[in-house]
Amino acid sequence: MAATATLSSKFQISIPEAVREEQQWQAGQEFVFIPKGKGVLLMPVPDPNRLAGIAKGANKEGYRDRADRY
């Protein structure tokens, strides 16, 4: 069953308790909103310390930077 919430007059939404508990989200946590068609993907912003080392051993060949984009 999908949980629902209502947008308030102050443009705020309370995340349902069942969703917060399942995702282990905490008060004060920062989120990013990513537009997806007619909806939005809500994702927690990762802690930079947890990202350290995730690309170890990645192949650096063929890497594209911003200058390579159209």
PDB file of N, CA and C in Angstrom:
ATOM      1  N   MET A   1       0.836  -1.176   0.000  1.00  0.00           N
ATOM      2  CA  MET A   1       0.000   0.000   0.000  1.00  0.00           C
ATOM      3  C   MET A   1       0.885   1.245   0.000  1.00  0.00           C
ATOM      4  N   ALA A   2       0.569   2.187  -0.838  1.00  0.00           N
ATOM      5  CA  ALA A   2       1.348   3.417  -0.943  1.00  0.00           C
ATOM      6  C   ALA A   2       0.919   4.398   0.152  1.00  0.00           C
ATOM      7  N   ALA A   3       1.899   5.069   0.744  1.00  0.00           N
ATOM      8  CA  ALA A   3       1.619   6.100   1.733  1.00  0.00           C
ATOM      9  C   ALA A   3       1.420   7.417   0.997  1.00  0.00           C
ATOM     10  N   THR A   4       0.540   8.260   1.507  1.00  0.00           N
ATOM     11  CA  THR A   4       0.280   9.543   0.871  1.00  0.00           C
ATOM     12  C   THR A   4       0.474  10.670   1.870  1.00  0.00           C
ATOM     13  N   ALA A   5       0.654  11.884   1.337  1.00  0.00           N
ATOM     14  CA  ALA A   5       0.786  13.083   2.153  1.00  0.00           C
ATOM     15  C   ALA A   5       0.174  14.238   1.374  1.00  0.00           C
ATOM     16  N   THR A   6      -0.187  15.311   2.063  1.00  0.00           N
ATOM     17  CA  THR A   6      -0.806  16.473   1.446  1.00  0.00           C
ATOM     18  C   THR A   6       0.123  17.672   1.546  1.00  0.00           C
ATOM     19  N   LEU A   7       0.245  18.414   0.461  1.00  0.00           N
ATOM     20  CA  LEU A   7       1.058  19.623   0.430  1.00  0.00           C
ATOM     21  C   LEU A   7       0.322  20.724   1.191  1.00  0.00           C
ATOM     22  N   SER A   8       0.994  21.326   2.182  1.00  0.00           N
ATOM     23  CA  SER A   8       0.348  22.356   3.002  1.00  0.00           C
ATOM     24  C   SER A   8       0.361  23.702   2.286  1.00  0.00           C
ATOM     25  N   SER A   9      -0.323  24.681   2.859  1.00  0.00           N
ATOM     26  CA  SER A   9      -0.356  26.030   2.283  1.00  0.00           C
ATOM     27  C   SER A   9       1.026  26.682   2.326  1.00  0.00           C
ATOM     28  N   LYS A  10       1.930  26.153   3.149  1.00  0.00           N
ATOM     29  CA  LYS A  10       3.314  26.644   3.218  1.00  0.00           C
ATOM     30  C   LYS A  10       4.244  25.809   2.338  1.00  0.00           C
ATOM     31  N   PHE A  11       3.642  24.988   1.469  1.00  0.00           N
ATOM     32  CA  PHE A  11       4.374  24.116   0.542  1.00  0.00           C
ATOM     33  C   PHE A  11       5.275  23.127   1.279  1.00  0.00           C
ATOM     34  N   GLN A  12       4.766  22.567   2.365  1.00  0.00           N
ATOM     35  CA  GLN A  12       5.489  21.558   3.130  1.00  0.00           C
ATOM     36  C   GLN A  12       4.747  20.238   3.076  1.00  0.00           C
ATOM     37  N   ILE A  13       5.512  19.152   3.141  1.00  0.00           N
ATOM     38  CA  ILE A  13       4.947  17.802   3.168  1.00  0.00           C
ATOM     39  C   ILE A  13       5.579  17.052   4.322  1.00  0.00           C
ATOM     40  N   SER A  14       4.762  16.375   5.112  1.00  0.00           N
ATOM     41  CA  SER A  14       5.271  15.505   6.171  1.00  0.00           C
ATOM     42  C   SER A  14       5.419  14.103   5.592  1.00  0.00           C
ATOM     43  N   ILE A  15       6.592  13.534   5.758  1.00  0.00           N
ATOM     44  CA  ILE A  15       6.839  12.181   5.261  1.00  0.00           C
ATOM     45  C   ILE A  15       6.192  11.198   6.234  1.00  0.00           C
ATOM     46  N   PRO A  16       5.344  10.309   5.734  1.00  0.00           N
ATOM     47  CA  PRO A  16       4.657   9.356   6.618  1.00  0.00           C
ATOM     48  C   PRO A  16       5.646   8.534   7.452  1.00  0.00           C
ATOM     49  N   GLU A  17       5.243   8.249   8.670  1.00  0.00           N
ATOM     50  CA  GLU A  17       6.100   7.529   9.621  1.00  0.00           C
ATOM     51  C   GLU A  17       6.580   6.196   9.068  1.00  0.00           C
ATOM     52  N   ALA A  18       5.692   5.461   8.403  1.00  0.00           N
ATOM     53  CA  ALA A  18       6.075   4.148   7.864  1.00  0.00           C
ATOM     54  C   ALA A  18       7.227   4.277   6.869  1.00  0.00           C
ATOM     55  N   VAL A  19       7.217   5.337   6.058  1.00  0.00           N
ATOM     56  CA  VAL A  19       8.287   5.561   5.075  1.00  0.00           C
ATOM     57  C   VAL A  19       9.573   5.953   5.791  1.00  0.00           C
ATOM     58  N   ARG A  20       9.476   6.870   6.766  1.00  0.00           N
ATOM     59  CA  ARG A  20      10.663   7.306   7.519  1.00  0.00           C
ATOM     60  C   ARG A  20      11.335   6.130   8.200  1.00  0.00           C
ATOM     61  N   GLU A  21      10.553   5.276   8.816  1.00  0.00           N
ATOM     62  CA  GLU A  21      11.122   4.131   9.530  1.00  0.00           C
ATOM     63  C   GLU A  21      11.744   3.127   8.572  1.00  0.00           C
ATOM     64  N   GLU A  22      11.056   2.849   7.463  1.00  0.00           N
ATOM     65  CA  GLU A  22      11.584   1.884   6.500  1.00  0.00           C
ATOM     66  C   GLU A  22      12.901   2.365   5.898  1.00  0.00           C
ATOM     67  N   GLN A  23      13.004   3.663   5.613  1.00  0.00           N
ATOM     68  CA  GLN A  23      14.208   4.227   5.012  1.00  0.00           C
ATOM     69  C   GLN A  23      15.256   4.645   6.047  1.00  0.00           C
ATOM     70  N   GLN A  24      14.892   4.603   7.303  1.00  0.00           N
ATOM     71  CA  GLN A  24      15.766   5.008   8.416  1.00  0.00           C
ATOM     72  C   GLN A  24      16.205   6.466   8.281  1.00  0.00           C
ATOM     73  N   TRP A  25      15.267   7.331   7.860  1.00  0.00           N
ATOM     74  CA  TRP A  25      15.528   8.757   7.744  1.00  0.00           C
ATOM     75  C   TRP A  25      15.370   9.408   9.107  1.00  0.00           C
ATOM     76  N   GLN A  26      16.202  10.422   9.380  1.00  0.00           N
ATOM     77  CA  GLN A  26      16.211  11.098  10.667  1.00  0.00           C
ATOM     78  C   GLN A  26      15.890  12.582  10.489  1.00  0.00           C
ATOM     79  N   ALA A  27      15.399  13.210  11.546  1.00  0.00           N
ATOM     80  CA  ALA A  27      15.138  14.649  11.530  1.00  0.00           C
ATOM     81  C   ALA A  27      16.448  15.388  11.271  1.00  0.00           C
ATOM     82  N   GLY A  28      16.402  16.415  10.444  1.00  0.00           N
ATOM     83  CA  GLY A  28      17.589  17.196  10.125  1.00  0.00           C
ATOM     84  C   GLY A  28      18.380  16.673   8.940  1.00  0.00           C
ATOM     85  N   GLN A  29      18.012  15.516   8.433  1.00  0.00           N
ATOM     86  CA  GLN A  29      18.710  14.934   7.294  1.00  0.00           C
ATOM     87  C   GLN A  29      18.418  15.773   6.044  1.00  0.00           C
ATOM     88  N   GLU A  30      19.420  15.939   5.170  1.00  0.00           N
ATOM     89  CA  GLU A  30      19.277  16.746   3.959  1.00  0.00           C
ATOM     90  C   GLU A  30      18.881  15.854   2.783  1.00  0.00           C
ATOM     91  N   PHE A  31      17.999  16.386   1.920  1.00  0.00           N
ATOM     92  CA  PHE A  31      17.504  15.630   0.773  1.00  0.00           C
ATOM     93  C   PHE A  31      17.684  16.431  -0.509  1.00  0.00           C
ATOM     94  N   VAL A  32      17.715  15.725  -1.629  1.00  0.00           N
ATOM     95  CA  VAL A  32      17.773  16.345  -2.940  1.00  0.00           C
ATOM     96  C   VAL A  32      16.501  15.933  -3.695  1.00  0.00           C
ATOM     97  N   PHE A  33      15.963  16.861  -4.478  1.00  0.00           N
ATOM     98  CA  PHE A  33      14.781  16.605  -5.297  1.00  0.00           C
ATOM     99  C   PHE A  33      15.226  16.540  -6.752  1.00  0.00           C
ATOM    100  N   ILE A  34      14.957  15.401  -7.413  1.00  0.00           N
ATOM    101  CA  ILE A  34      15.387  15.185  -8.792  1.00  0.00           C
ATOM    102  C   ILE A  34      14.131  15.062  -9.661  1.00  0.00           C
ATOM    103  N   PRO A  35      13.892  16.044 -10.557  1.00  0.00           N
ATOM    104  CA  PRO A  35      12.714  15.966 -11.426  1.00  0.00           C
ATOM    105  C   PRO A  35      12.761  14.728 -12.314  1.00  0.00           C
ATOM    106  N   LYS A  36      11.641  14.023 -12.398  1.00  0.00           N
ATOM    107  CA  LYS A  36      11.517  12.820 -13.235  1.00  0.00           C
ATOM    108  C   LYS A  36      10.161  12.876 -13.934  1.00  0.00           C
ATOM    109  N   GLY A  37      10.132  13.378 -15.160  1.00  0.00           N
ATOM    110  CA  GLY A  37       8.868  13.475 -15.889  1.00  0.00           C
ATOM    111  C   GLY A  37       7.905  14.382 -15.142  1.00  0.00           C
ATOM    112  N   LYS A  38       6.739  13.851 -14.786  1.00  0.00           N
ATOM    113  CA  LYS A  38       5.744  14.633 -14.051  1.00  0.00           C
ATOM    114  C   LYS A  38       5.860  14.437 -12.550  1.00  0.00           C
ATOM    115  N   GLY A  39       6.898  13.745 -12.104  1.00  0.00           N
ATOM    116  CA  GLY A  39       7.102  13.485 -10.682  1.00  0.00           C
ATOM    117  C   GLY A  39       8.469  13.962 -10.223  1.00  0.00           C
ATOM    118  N   VAL A  40       8.798  13.575  -9.011  1.00  0.00           N
ATOM    119  CA  VAL A  40      10.067  13.965  -8.399  1.00  0.00           C
ATOM    120  C   VAL A  40      10.619  12.770  -7.634  1.00  0.00           C
ATOM    121  N   LEU A  41      11.912  12.542  -7.761  1.00  0.00           N
ATOM    122  CA  LEU A  41      12.604  11.515  -6.992  1.00  0.00           C
ATOM    123  C   LEU A  41      13.221  12.201  -5.778  1.00  0.00           C
ATOM    124  N   LEU A  42      12.926  11.723  -4.600  1.00  0.00           N
ATOM    125  CA  LEU A  42      13.447  12.277  -3.348  1.00  0.00           C
ATOM    126  C   LEU A  42      14.531  11.340  -2.835  1.00  0.00           C
ATOM    127  N   MET A  43      15.740  11.892  -2.688  1.00  0.00           N
ATOM    128  CA  MET A  43      16.870  11.073  -2.247  1.00  0.00           C
ATOM    129  C   MET A  43      17.616  11.786  -1.128  1.00  0.00           C
ATOM    130  N   PRO A  44      18.067  11.043  -0.101  1.00  0.00           N
ATOM    131  CA  PRO A  44      18.899  11.673   0.917  1.00  0.00           C
ATOM    132  C   PRO A  44      20.276  12.014   0.338  1.00  0.00           C
ATOM    133  N   VAL A  45      20.807  13.151   0.723  1.00  0.00           N
ATOM    134  CA  VAL A  45      22.151  13.542   0.299  1.00  0.00           C
ATOM    135  C   VAL A  45      23.135  12.673   1.086  1.00  0.00           C
ATOM    136  N   PRO A  46      24.021  11.954   0.386  1.00  0.00           N
ATOM    137  CA  PRO A  46      24.937  11.066   1.104  1.00  0.00           C
ATOM    138  C   PRO A  46      25.997  11.843   1.883  1.00  0.00           C
ATOM    139  N   ASP A  47      26.461  11.258   2.959  1.00  0.00           N
ATOM    140  CA  ASP A  47      27.550  11.816   3.751  1.00  0.00           C
ATOM    141  C   ASP A  47      28.840  11.651   2.946  1.00  0.00           C
ATOM    142  N   PRO A  48      29.569  12.751   2.681  1.00  0.00           N
ATOM    143  CA  PRO A  48      30.798  12.639   1.876  1.00  0.00           C
ATOM    144  C   PRO A  48      31.791  11.614   2.416  1.00  0.00           C
ATOM    145  N   ASN A  49      31.836  11.425   3.720  1.00  0.00           N
ATOM    146  CA  ASN A  49      32.758  10.448   4.302  1.00  0.00           C
ATOM    147  C   ASN A  49      32.406   9.019   3.892  1.00  0.00           C
ATOM    148  N   ARG A  50      31.134   8.766   3.647  1.00  0.00           N
ATOM    149  CA  ARG A  50      30.720   7.422   3.237  1.00  0.00           C
ATOM    150  C   ARG A  50      31.009   7.158   1.767  1.00  0.00           C
ATOM    151  N   LEU A  51      31.276   8.222   0.992  1.00  0.00           N
ATOM    152  CA  LEU A  51      31.560   8.067  -0.431  1.00  0.00           C
ATOM    153  C   LEU A  51      33.042   7.817  -0.702  1.00  0.00           C
ATOM    154  N   ALA A  52      33.879   8.075   0.283  1.00  0.00           N
ATOM    155  CA  ALA A  52      35.321   7.932   0.097  1.00  0.00           C
ATOM    156  C   ALA A  52      35.668   6.495  -0.295  1.00  0.00           C
ATOM    157  N   GLY A  53      36.377   6.374  -1.408  1.00  0.00           N
ATOM    158  CA  GLY A  53      36.869   5.069  -1.834  1.00  0.00           C
ATOM    159  C   GLY A  53      35.920   4.232  -2.653  1.00  0.00           C
ATOM    160  N   ILE A  54      34.731   4.712  -2.996  1.00  0.00           N
ATOM    161  CA  ILE A  54      33.792   3.853  -3.725  1.00  0.00           C
ATOM    162  C   ILE A  54      34.210   3.618  -5.171  1.00  0.00           C
ATOM    163  N   ALA A  55      35.125   4.442  -5.694  1.00  0.00           N
ATOM    164  CA  ALA A  55      35.544   4.280  -7.084  1.00  0.00           C
ATOM    165  C   ALA A  55      36.943   3.685  -7.208  1.00  0.00           C
ATOM    166  N   LYS A  56      37.455   3.106  -6.141  1.00  0.00           N
ATOM    167  CA  LYS A  56      38.780   2.494  -6.215  1.00  0.00           C
ATOM    168  C   LYS A  56      38.785   1.410  -7.282  1.00  0.00           C
ATOM    169  N   GLY A  57      39.817   1.453  -8.111  1.00  0.00           N
ATOM    170  CA  GLY A  57      39.944   0.443  -9.150  1.00  0.00           C
ATOM    171  C   GLY A  57      39.120   0.723 -10.393  1.00  0.00           C
ATOM    172  N   ALA A  58      38.439   1.860 -10.452  1.00  0.00           N
ATOM    173  CA  ALA A  58      37.635   2.186 -11.628  1.00  0.00           C
ATOM    174  C   ALA A  58      38.539   2.435 -12.827  1.00  0.00           C
ATOM    175  N   ASN A  59      38.056   2.059 -13.995  1.00  0.00           N
ATOM    176  CA  ASN A  59      38.804   2.258 -15.230  1.00  0.00           C
ATOM    177  C   ASN A  59      38.740   3.738 -15.609  1.00  0.00           C
ATOM    178  N   LYS A  60      39.889   4.392 -15.696  1.00  0.00           N
ATOM    179  CA  LYS A  60      39.946   5.826 -16.005  1.00  0.00           C
ATOM    180  C   LYS A  60      40.010   6.085 -17.508  1.00  0.00           C
ATOM    181  N   GLU A  61      40.135   5.048 -18.321  1.00  0.00           N
ATOM    182  CA  GLU A  61      40.203   5.203 -19.774  1.00  0.00           C
ATOM    183  C   GLU A  61      38.856   5.661 -20.310  1.00  0.00           C
ATOM    184  N   GLY A  62      38.896   6.563 -21.287  1.00  0.00           N
ATOM    185  CA  GLY A  62      37.661   7.006 -21.926  1.00  0.00           C
ATOM    186  C   GLY A  62      36.832   7.937 -21.052  1.00  0.00           C
ATOM    187  N   TYR A  63      37.436   8.490 -20.008  1.00  0.00           N
ATOM    188  CA  TYR A  63      36.716   9.380 -19.117  1.00  0.00           C
ATOM    189  C   TYR A  63      36.323  10.647 -19.862  1.00  0.00           C
ATOM    190  N   ARG A  64      35.087  11.093 -19.695  1.00  0.00           N
ATOM    191  CA  ARG A  64      34.601  12.325 -20.319  1.00  0.00           C
ATOM    192  C   ARG A  64      34.468  13.402 -19.271  1.00  0.00           C
ATOM    193  N   ASP A  65      34.901  14.603 -19.615  1.00  0.00           N
ATOM    194  CA  ASP A  65      34.683  15.719 -18.697  1.00  0.00           C
ATOM    195  C   ASP A  65      33.686  16.688 -19.341  1.00  0.00           C
ATOM    196  N   ARG A  66      33.429  17.789 -18.717  1.00  0.00           N
ATOM    197  CA  ARG A  66      32.426  18.735 -19.207  1.00  0.00           C
ATOM    198  C   ARG A  66      32.752  19.280 -20.595  1.00  0.00           C
ATOM    199  N   ALA A  67      34.027  19.375 -20.943  1.00  0.00           N
ATOM    200  CA  ALA A  67      34.423  19.893 -22.255  1.00  0.00           C
ATOM    201  C   ALA A  67      33.999  18.947 -23.382  1.00  0.00           C
ATOM    202  N   ASP A  68      33.771  17.671 -23.071  1.00  0.00           N
ATOM    203  CA  ASP A  68      33.397  16.681 -24.089  1.00  0.00           C
ATOM    204  C   ASP A  68      31.898  16.659 -24.384  1.00  0.00           C
ATOM    205  N   ARG A  69      31.124  17.369 -23.617  1.00  0.00           N
ATOM    206  CA  ARG A  69      29.662  17.309 -23.777  1.00  0.00           C
ATOM    207  C   ARG A  69      29.200  18.280 -24.856  1.00  0.00           C
ATOM    208  N   TYR A  70      28.048  17.991 -25.383  1.00  0.00           N
ATOM    209  CA  TYR A  70      27.496  18.822 -26.465  1.00  0.00           C
ATOM    210  C   TYR A  70      26.854  20.063 -25.923  1.00  0.00           C
TER     211      TYR A  70
END
